Amino acid sequence: QVQLVESGGGLVPAGGSLRLSCVASGRAVSGYYVAWFRQSPGKEREFVANIGWNGVDIYVDSVKGRFIISRDNAKNTVYLQMNSLKLEDTALYSCGAGLGSGYTSWGQGTQVTVSS
């Protein structure tokens, strides 16, 4: 099973940008689909974006046009470029990976805090 470690979170002013990284180890991530999720205190975990093994990406409506998910299989890494950040983007961001039936590997998450 692949292991995932996220990084790149931090404190950023509204309108700013961050790039999150999800680094995989243990297995090549090239055959996996990988997604970013986020969770704020008191809220359910929310799907943010997913990228397939073939590079096809999908996004939740609230981040379309602002976030970009990408993958670098040579580095075994998936990225989430977040632009035009809003206060409501504040959350713990985690990545998940799967091969077929759901996401079976998860990272611990990286905190993103957007300030006014």
N, C-alpha and C. Protein backbone atom coordinates (compact mmCIF):
# COMPACT_ATOMS: atom_id res chain seq x y z
N GLN A 1 0.84 -1.18 0.00
CA GLN A 1 0.00 0.00 0.00
C GLN A 1 0.88 1.23 0.00
N VAL A 2 0.45 2.26 -0.67
CA VAL A 2 1.24 3.47 -0.77
C VAL A 2 1.06 4.30 0.50
N GLN A 3 2.13 4.94 0.96
CA GLN A 3 2.07 5.86 2.09
C GLN A 3 2.13 7.28 1.54
N LEU A 4 1.38 8.18 2.19
CA LEU A 4 1.26 9.55 1.71
C LEU A 4 1.64 10.55 2.80
N VAL A 5 2.38 11.58 2.42
CA VAL A 5 2.74 12.65 3.34
C VAL A 5 2.48 13.99 2.66
N GLU A 6 1.67 14.82 3.31
CA GLU A 6 1.35 16.14 2.77
C GLU A 6 2.26 17.20 3.37
N SER A 7 2.47 18.26 2.61
CA SER A 7 3.22 19.41 3.09
C SER A 7 2.80 20.63 2.29
N GLY A 8 3.26 21.80 2.75
CA GLY A 8 3.01 23.02 2.01
C GLY A 8 1.95 23.93 2.60
N GLY A 9 1.29 23.47 3.64
CA GLY A 9 0.29 24.32 4.27
C GLY A 9 0.91 25.47 5.03
N GLY A 10 0.07 26.38 5.49
CA GLY A 10 0.57 27.52 6.25
C GLY A 10 -0.48 28.59 6.38
N LEU A 11 -0.03 29.75 6.84
CA LEU A 11 -0.89 30.92 7.00
C LEU A 11 -0.69 31.84 5.81
N VAL A 12 -1.77 32.22 5.17
CA VAL A 12 -1.70 33.04 3.97
C VAL A 12 -2.83 34.06 3.98
N PRO A 13 -2.60 35.28 3.53
CA PRO A 13 -3.68 36.25 3.50
C PRO A 13 -4.69 35.93 2.40
N ALA A 14 -5.91 36.38 2.58
CA ALA A 14 -6.92 36.19 1.55
C ALA A 14 -6.42 36.76 0.22
N GLY A 15 -6.68 36.01 -0.83
CA GLY A 15 -6.19 36.40 -2.15
C GLY A 15 -4.84 35.82 -2.49
N GLY A 16 -4.18 35.24 -1.52
CA GLY A 16 -2.85 34.68 -1.75
C GLY A 16 -2.90 33.27 -2.33
N SER A 17 -1.71 32.67 -2.42
CA SER A 17 -1.58 31.35 -3.03
C SER A 17 -0.73 30.43 -2.16
N LEU A 18 -0.99 29.15 -2.29
CA LEU A 18 -0.17 28.12 -1.68
C LEU A 18 -0.13 26.93 -2.62
N ARG A 19 0.94 26.15 -2.53
CA ARG A 19 1.00 24.90 -3.26
C ARG A 19 1.23 23.76 -2.28
N LEU A 20 0.30 22.85 -2.23
CA LEU A 20 0.40 21.69 -1.37
C LEU A 20 1.03 20.54 -2.15
N SER A 21 1.78 19.72 -1.43
CA SER A 21 2.39 18.53 -2.03
C SER A 21 1.93 17.28 -1.29
N CYS A 22 1.72 16.22 -2.02
CA CYS A 22 1.37 14.92 -1.48
C CYS A 22 2.41 13.95 -2.04
N VAL A 23 3.36 13.58 -1.19
CA VAL A 23 4.46 12.72 -1.62
C VAL A 23 4.15 11.28 -1.25
N ALA A 24 4.24 10.40 -2.22
CA ALA A 24 3.95 8.99 -2.01
C ALA A 24 5.23 8.19 -1.86
N SER A 25 5.15 7.14 -1.07
CA SER A 25 6.28 6.21 -0.90
C SER A 25 5.73 4.80 -0.76
N GLY A 26 6.61 3.84 -0.95
CA GLY A 26 6.20 2.45 -0.81
C GLY A 26 5.81 1.81 -2.12
N ARG A 27 5.15 2.56 -2.97
CA ARG A 27 4.76 2.09 -4.29
C ARG A 27 4.72 3.28 -5.23
N ALA A 28 4.82 3.01 -6.50
CA ALA A 28 4.68 4.08 -7.49
C ALA A 28 3.24 4.57 -7.50
N VAL A 29 3.07 5.87 -7.49
CA VAL A 29 1.72 6.44 -7.43
C VAL A 29 1.13 6.60 -8.83
N SER A 30 1.91 6.25 -9.86
CA SER A 30 1.48 6.51 -11.23
C SER A 30 0.19 5.80 -11.61
N GLY A 31 -0.07 4.65 -11.01
CA GLY A 31 -1.27 3.91 -11.35
C GLY A 31 -2.48 4.26 -10.51
N TYR A 32 -2.29 5.14 -9.53
CA TYR A 32 -3.35 5.50 -8.60
C TYR A 32 -4.10 6.74 -9.06
N TYR A 33 -5.36 6.83 -8.67
CA TYR A 33 -6.00 8.14 -8.71
C TYR A 33 -5.80 8.74 -7.31
N VAL A 34 -5.59 10.03 -7.29
CA VAL A 34 -5.25 10.73 -6.04
C VAL A 34 -6.15 11.95 -5.90
N ALA A 35 -6.62 12.16 -4.71
CA ALA A 35 -7.52 13.28 -4.45
C ALA A 35 -7.06 14.10 -3.25
N TRP A 36 -7.49 15.32 -3.25
CA TRP A 36 -7.35 16.19 -2.08
C TRP A 36 -8.72 16.37 -1.45
N PHE A 37 -8.74 16.27 -0.12
CA PHE A 37 -9.93 16.53 0.67
C PHE A 37 -9.58 17.60 1.70
N ARG A 38 -10.59 18.20 2.29
CA ARG A 38 -10.36 19.16 3.37
C ARG A 38 -11.44 19.04 4.42
N GLN A 39 -11.06 19.40 5.62
CA GLN A 39 -12.01 19.34 6.72
C GLN A 39 -11.77 20.51 7.66
N SER A 40 -12.85 21.23 7.95
CA SER A 40 -12.81 22.32 8.92
C SER A 40 -13.45 21.85 10.21
N PRO A 41 -13.10 22.47 11.34
CA PRO A 41 -13.69 22.06 12.62
C PRO A 41 -15.22 22.10 12.57
N GLY A 42 -15.84 21.01 13.00
CA GLY A 42 -17.29 20.95 13.05
C GLY A 42 -17.96 20.64 11.73
N LYS A 43 -17.16 20.42 10.69
CA LYS A 43 -17.73 20.13 9.37
C LYS A 43 -17.31 18.76 8.89
N GLU A 44 -18.06 18.23 7.93
CA GLU A 44 -17.71 16.97 7.31
C GLU A 44 -16.52 17.16 6.37
N ARG A 45 -15.78 16.06 6.18
CA ARG A 45 -14.70 16.12 5.20
C ARG A 45 -15.29 16.37 3.82
N GLU A 46 -14.64 17.25 3.08
CA GLU A 46 -15.15 17.67 1.78
C GLU A 46 -14.16 17.31 0.67
N PHE A 47 -14.66 16.75 -0.40
CA PHE A 47 -13.86 16.48 -1.58
C PHE A 47 -13.47 17.81 -2.22
N VAL A 48 -12.21 17.94 -2.64
CA VAL A 48 -11.74 19.17 -3.28
C VAL A 48 -11.42 18.91 -4.75
N ALA A 49 -10.56 17.93 -5.02
CA ALA A 49 -10.13 17.67 -6.40
C ALA A 49 -9.57 16.27 -6.49
N ASN A 50 -9.65 15.70 -7.69
CA ASN A 50 -9.10 14.37 -7.94
C ASN A 50 -8.39 14.38 -9.29
N ILE A 51 -7.30 13.63 -9.37
CA ILE A 51 -6.62 13.45 -10.64
C ILE A 51 -6.44 11.97 -10.89
N GLY A 52 -6.86 11.54 -12.08
CA GLY A 52 -6.77 10.13 -12.44
C GLY A 52 -5.36 9.74 -12.87
N TRP A 53 -5.17 8.47 -13.04
CA TRP A 53 -3.87 7.98 -13.49
C TRP A 53 -3.53 8.55 -14.87
N ASN A 54 -4.57 8.92 -15.62
CA ASN A 54 -4.37 9.46 -16.97
C ASN A 54 -4.31 10.99 -16.99
N GLY A 55 -4.34 11.60 -15.81
CA GLY A 55 -4.23 13.05 -15.72
C GLY A 55 -5.54 13.81 -15.77
N VAL A 56 -6.63 13.09 -15.95
CA VAL A 56 -7.93 13.77 -15.98
C VAL A 56 -8.27 14.26 -14.58
N ASP A 57 -8.68 15.52 -14.48
CA ASP A 57 -8.92 16.12 -13.17
C ASP A 57 -10.38 16.59 -13.03
N ILE A 58 -10.86 16.53 -11.82
CA ILE A 58 -12.19 17.04 -11.49
C ILE A 58 -12.09 17.84 -10.20
N TYR A 59 -13.01 18.78 -10.02
CA TYR A 59 -12.98 19.70 -8.89
C TYR A 59 -14.37 19.90 -8.31
N VAL A 60 -14.41 20.22 -7.03
CA VAL A 60 -15.65 20.69 -6.45
C VAL A 60 -15.91 22.09 -6.99
N ASP A 61 -17.16 22.46 -7.15
CA ASP A 61 -17.49 23.73 -7.78
C ASP A 61 -16.85 24.93 -7.09
N SER A 62 -16.73 24.87 -5.79
CA SER A 62 -16.26 26.04 -5.02
C SER A 62 -14.80 26.39 -5.29
N VAL A 63 -14.03 25.49 -5.89
CA VAL A 63 -12.61 25.77 -6.16
C VAL A 63 -12.30 25.83 -7.65
N LYS A 64 -13.27 25.57 -8.49
CA LYS A 64 -13.02 25.60 -9.94
C LYS A 64 -12.53 26.98 -10.36
N GLY A 65 -11.49 26.99 -11.18
CA GLY A 65 -10.91 28.25 -11.63
C GLY A 65 -9.90 28.84 -10.67
N ARG A 66 -9.80 28.27 -9.46
CA ARG A 66 -8.83 28.78 -8.47
C ARG A 66 -7.78 27.75 -8.11
N PHE A 67 -8.16 26.49 -8.04
CA PHE A 67 -7.24 25.42 -7.66
C PHE A 67 -6.90 24.56 -8.88
N ILE A 68 -5.68 24.05 -8.89
CA ILE A 68 -5.24 23.15 -9.94
C ILE A 68 -4.55 21.95 -9.31
N ILE A 69 -5.03 20.77 -9.64
CA ILE A 69 -4.38 19.54 -9.19
C ILE A 69 -3.51 19.01 -10.32
N SER A 70 -2.33 18.54 -9.98
CA SER A 70 -1.41 18.02 -10.99
C SER A 70 -0.59 16.90 -10.37
N ARG A 71 0.09 16.16 -11.22
CA ARG A 71 0.91 15.06 -10.70
C ARG A 71 2.23 15.00 -11.45
N ASP A 72 3.27 14.62 -10.73
CA ASP A 72 4.59 14.39 -11.30
C ASP A 72 4.97 12.97 -10.92
N ASN A 73 4.72 12.04 -11.80
CA ASN A 73 4.95 10.64 -11.46
C ASN A 73 6.44 10.34 -11.24
N ALA A 74 7.31 11.09 -11.89
CA ALA A 74 8.74 10.88 -11.69
C ALA A 74 9.15 11.20 -10.25
N LYS A 75 8.42 12.13 -9.63
CA LYS A 75 8.69 12.50 -8.23
C LYS A 75 7.72 11.83 -7.28
N ASN A 76 6.84 10.98 -7.82
CA ASN A 76 5.84 10.29 -6.98
C ASN A 76 5.05 11.28 -6.14
N THR A 77 4.67 12.39 -6.75
CA THR A 77 4.05 13.49 -6.02
C THR A 77 2.84 14.04 -6.76
N VAL A 78 1.83 14.40 -5.99
CA VAL A 78 0.65 15.10 -6.50
C VAL A 78 0.59 16.46 -5.82
N TYR A 79 0.27 17.48 -6.59
CA TYR A 79 0.25 18.85 -6.08
C TYR A 79 -1.17 19.41 -6.11
N LEU A 80 -1.39 20.39 -5.25
CA LEU A 80 -2.60 21.19 -5.33
C LEU A 80 -2.18 22.66 -5.27
N GLN A 81 -2.25 23.32 -6.40
CA GLN A 81 -1.96 24.75 -6.48
C GLN A 81 -3.25 25.50 -6.13
N MET A 82 -3.18 26.31 -5.10
CA MET A 82 -4.36 27.02 -4.64
C MET A 82 -4.12 28.51 -4.81
N ASN A 83 -4.94 29.15 -5.62
CA ASN A 83 -4.83 30.58 -5.90
C ASN A 83 -6.09 31.30 -5.43
N SER A 84 -5.99 32.60 -5.29
CA SER A 84 -7.14 33.43 -4.89
C SER A 84 -7.82 32.83 -3.65
N LEU A 85 -7.04 32.53 -2.66
CA LEU A 85 -7.57 31.86 -1.48
C LEU A 85 -8.57 32.73 -0.74
N LYS A 86 -9.59 32.08 -0.20
CA LYS A 86 -10.64 32.74 0.54
C LYS A 86 -10.65 32.24 1.99
N LEU A 87 -11.29 33.01 2.85
CA LEU A 87 -11.36 32.62 4.25
C LEU A 87 -11.96 31.22 4.39
N GLU A 88 -12.94 30.92 3.56
CA GLU A 88 -13.62 29.63 3.66
C GLU A 88 -12.79 28.45 3.17
N ASP A 89 -11.60 28.72 2.64
CA ASP A 89 -10.70 27.64 2.25
C ASP A 89 -9.88 27.14 3.44
N THR A 90 -9.99 27.82 4.56
CA THR A 90 -9.27 27.39 5.76
C THR A 90 -9.72 25.99 6.17
N ALA A 91 -8.77 25.07 6.30
CA ALA A 91 -9.10 23.68 6.63
C ALA A 91 -7.82 22.86 6.75
N LEU A 92 -7.98 21.64 7.23
CA LEU A 92 -6.91 20.64 7.18
C LEU A 92 -7.06 19.91 5.84
N TYR A 93 -6.03 19.97 5.03
CA TYR A 93 -6.06 19.36 3.71
C TYR A 93 -5.32 18.03 3.74
N SER A 94 -5.99 16.99 3.24
CA SER A 94 -5.40 15.66 3.22
C SER A 94 -5.49 15.09 1.81
N CYS A 95 -4.55 14.22 1.49
CA CYS A 95 -4.64 13.54 0.20
C CYS A 95 -4.96 12.06 0.43
N GLY A 96 -5.66 11.51 -0.54
CA GLY A 96 -6.01 10.10 -0.51
C GLY A 96 -5.72 9.48 -1.86
N ALA A 97 -5.40 8.20 -1.87
CA ALA A 97 -5.07 7.51 -3.11
C ALA A 97 -5.81 6.18 -3.19
N GLY A 98 -6.16 5.78 -4.39
CA GLY A 98 -6.84 4.52 -4.59
C GLY A 98 -6.55 3.94 -5.96
N LEU A 99 -6.88 2.67 -6.09
CA LEU A 99 -6.67 1.98 -7.36
C LEU A 99 -7.98 1.60 -8.04
N GLY A 100 -9.03 1.43 -7.25
CA GLY A 100 -10.28 0.99 -7.84
C GLY A 100 -11.49 1.35 -6.99
N SER A 101 -11.60 0.74 -5.85
CA SER A 101 -12.78 0.95 -5.01
C SER A 101 -12.48 1.90 -3.87
N GLY A 102 -12.57 3.15 -4.14
CA GLY A 102 -12.39 4.15 -3.10
C GLY A 102 -10.94 4.46 -2.80
N TYR A 103 -10.76 5.37 -1.86
CA TYR A 103 -9.41 5.79 -1.46
C TYR A 103 -8.98 4.92 -0.29
N THR A 104 -7.87 4.23 -0.46
CA THR A 104 -7.43 3.26 0.54
C THR A 104 -6.20 3.71 1.32
N SER A 105 -5.55 4.75 0.86
CA SER A 105 -4.39 5.28 1.56
C SER A 105 -4.62 6.75 1.84
N TRP A 106 -4.23 7.20 3.03
CA TRP A 106 -4.46 8.58 3.44
C TRP A 106 -3.22 9.13 4.12
N GLY A 107 -3.01 10.44 3.95
CA GLY A 107 -1.98 11.12 4.69
C GLY A 107 -2.54 11.73 5.95
N GLN A 108 -1.68 12.38 6.73
CA GLN A 108 -2.09 12.98 8.00
C GLN A 108 -2.66 14.38 7.82
N GLY A 109 -2.34 15.02 6.73
CA GLY A 109 -2.89 16.33 6.46
C GLY A 109 -1.92 17.47 6.72
N THR A 110 -2.22 18.60 6.10
CA THR A 110 -1.47 19.83 6.30
C THR A 110 -2.47 20.97 6.45
N GLN A 111 -2.23 21.82 7.44
CA GLN A 111 -3.20 22.88 7.77
C GLN A 111 -3.01 24.09 6.87
N VAL A 112 -4.11 24.57 6.34
CA VAL A 112 -4.13 25.81 5.57
C VAL A 112 -5.04 26.79 6.29
N THR A 113 -4.49 27.96 6.61
CA THR A 113 -5.26 28.99 7.28
C THR A 113 -5.19 30.27 6.46
N VAL A 114 -6.34 30.76 6.06
CA VAL A 114 -6.42 31.98 5.27
C VAL A 114 -6.90 33.11 6.19
N SER A 115 -6.14 34.18 6.23
CA SER A 115 -6.45 35.29 7.13
C SER A 115 -7.03 36.47 6.36
N SER A 116 -7.80 37.28 7.06
CA SER A 116 -8.43 38.45 6.41
C SER A 116 -7.50 39.65 6.44
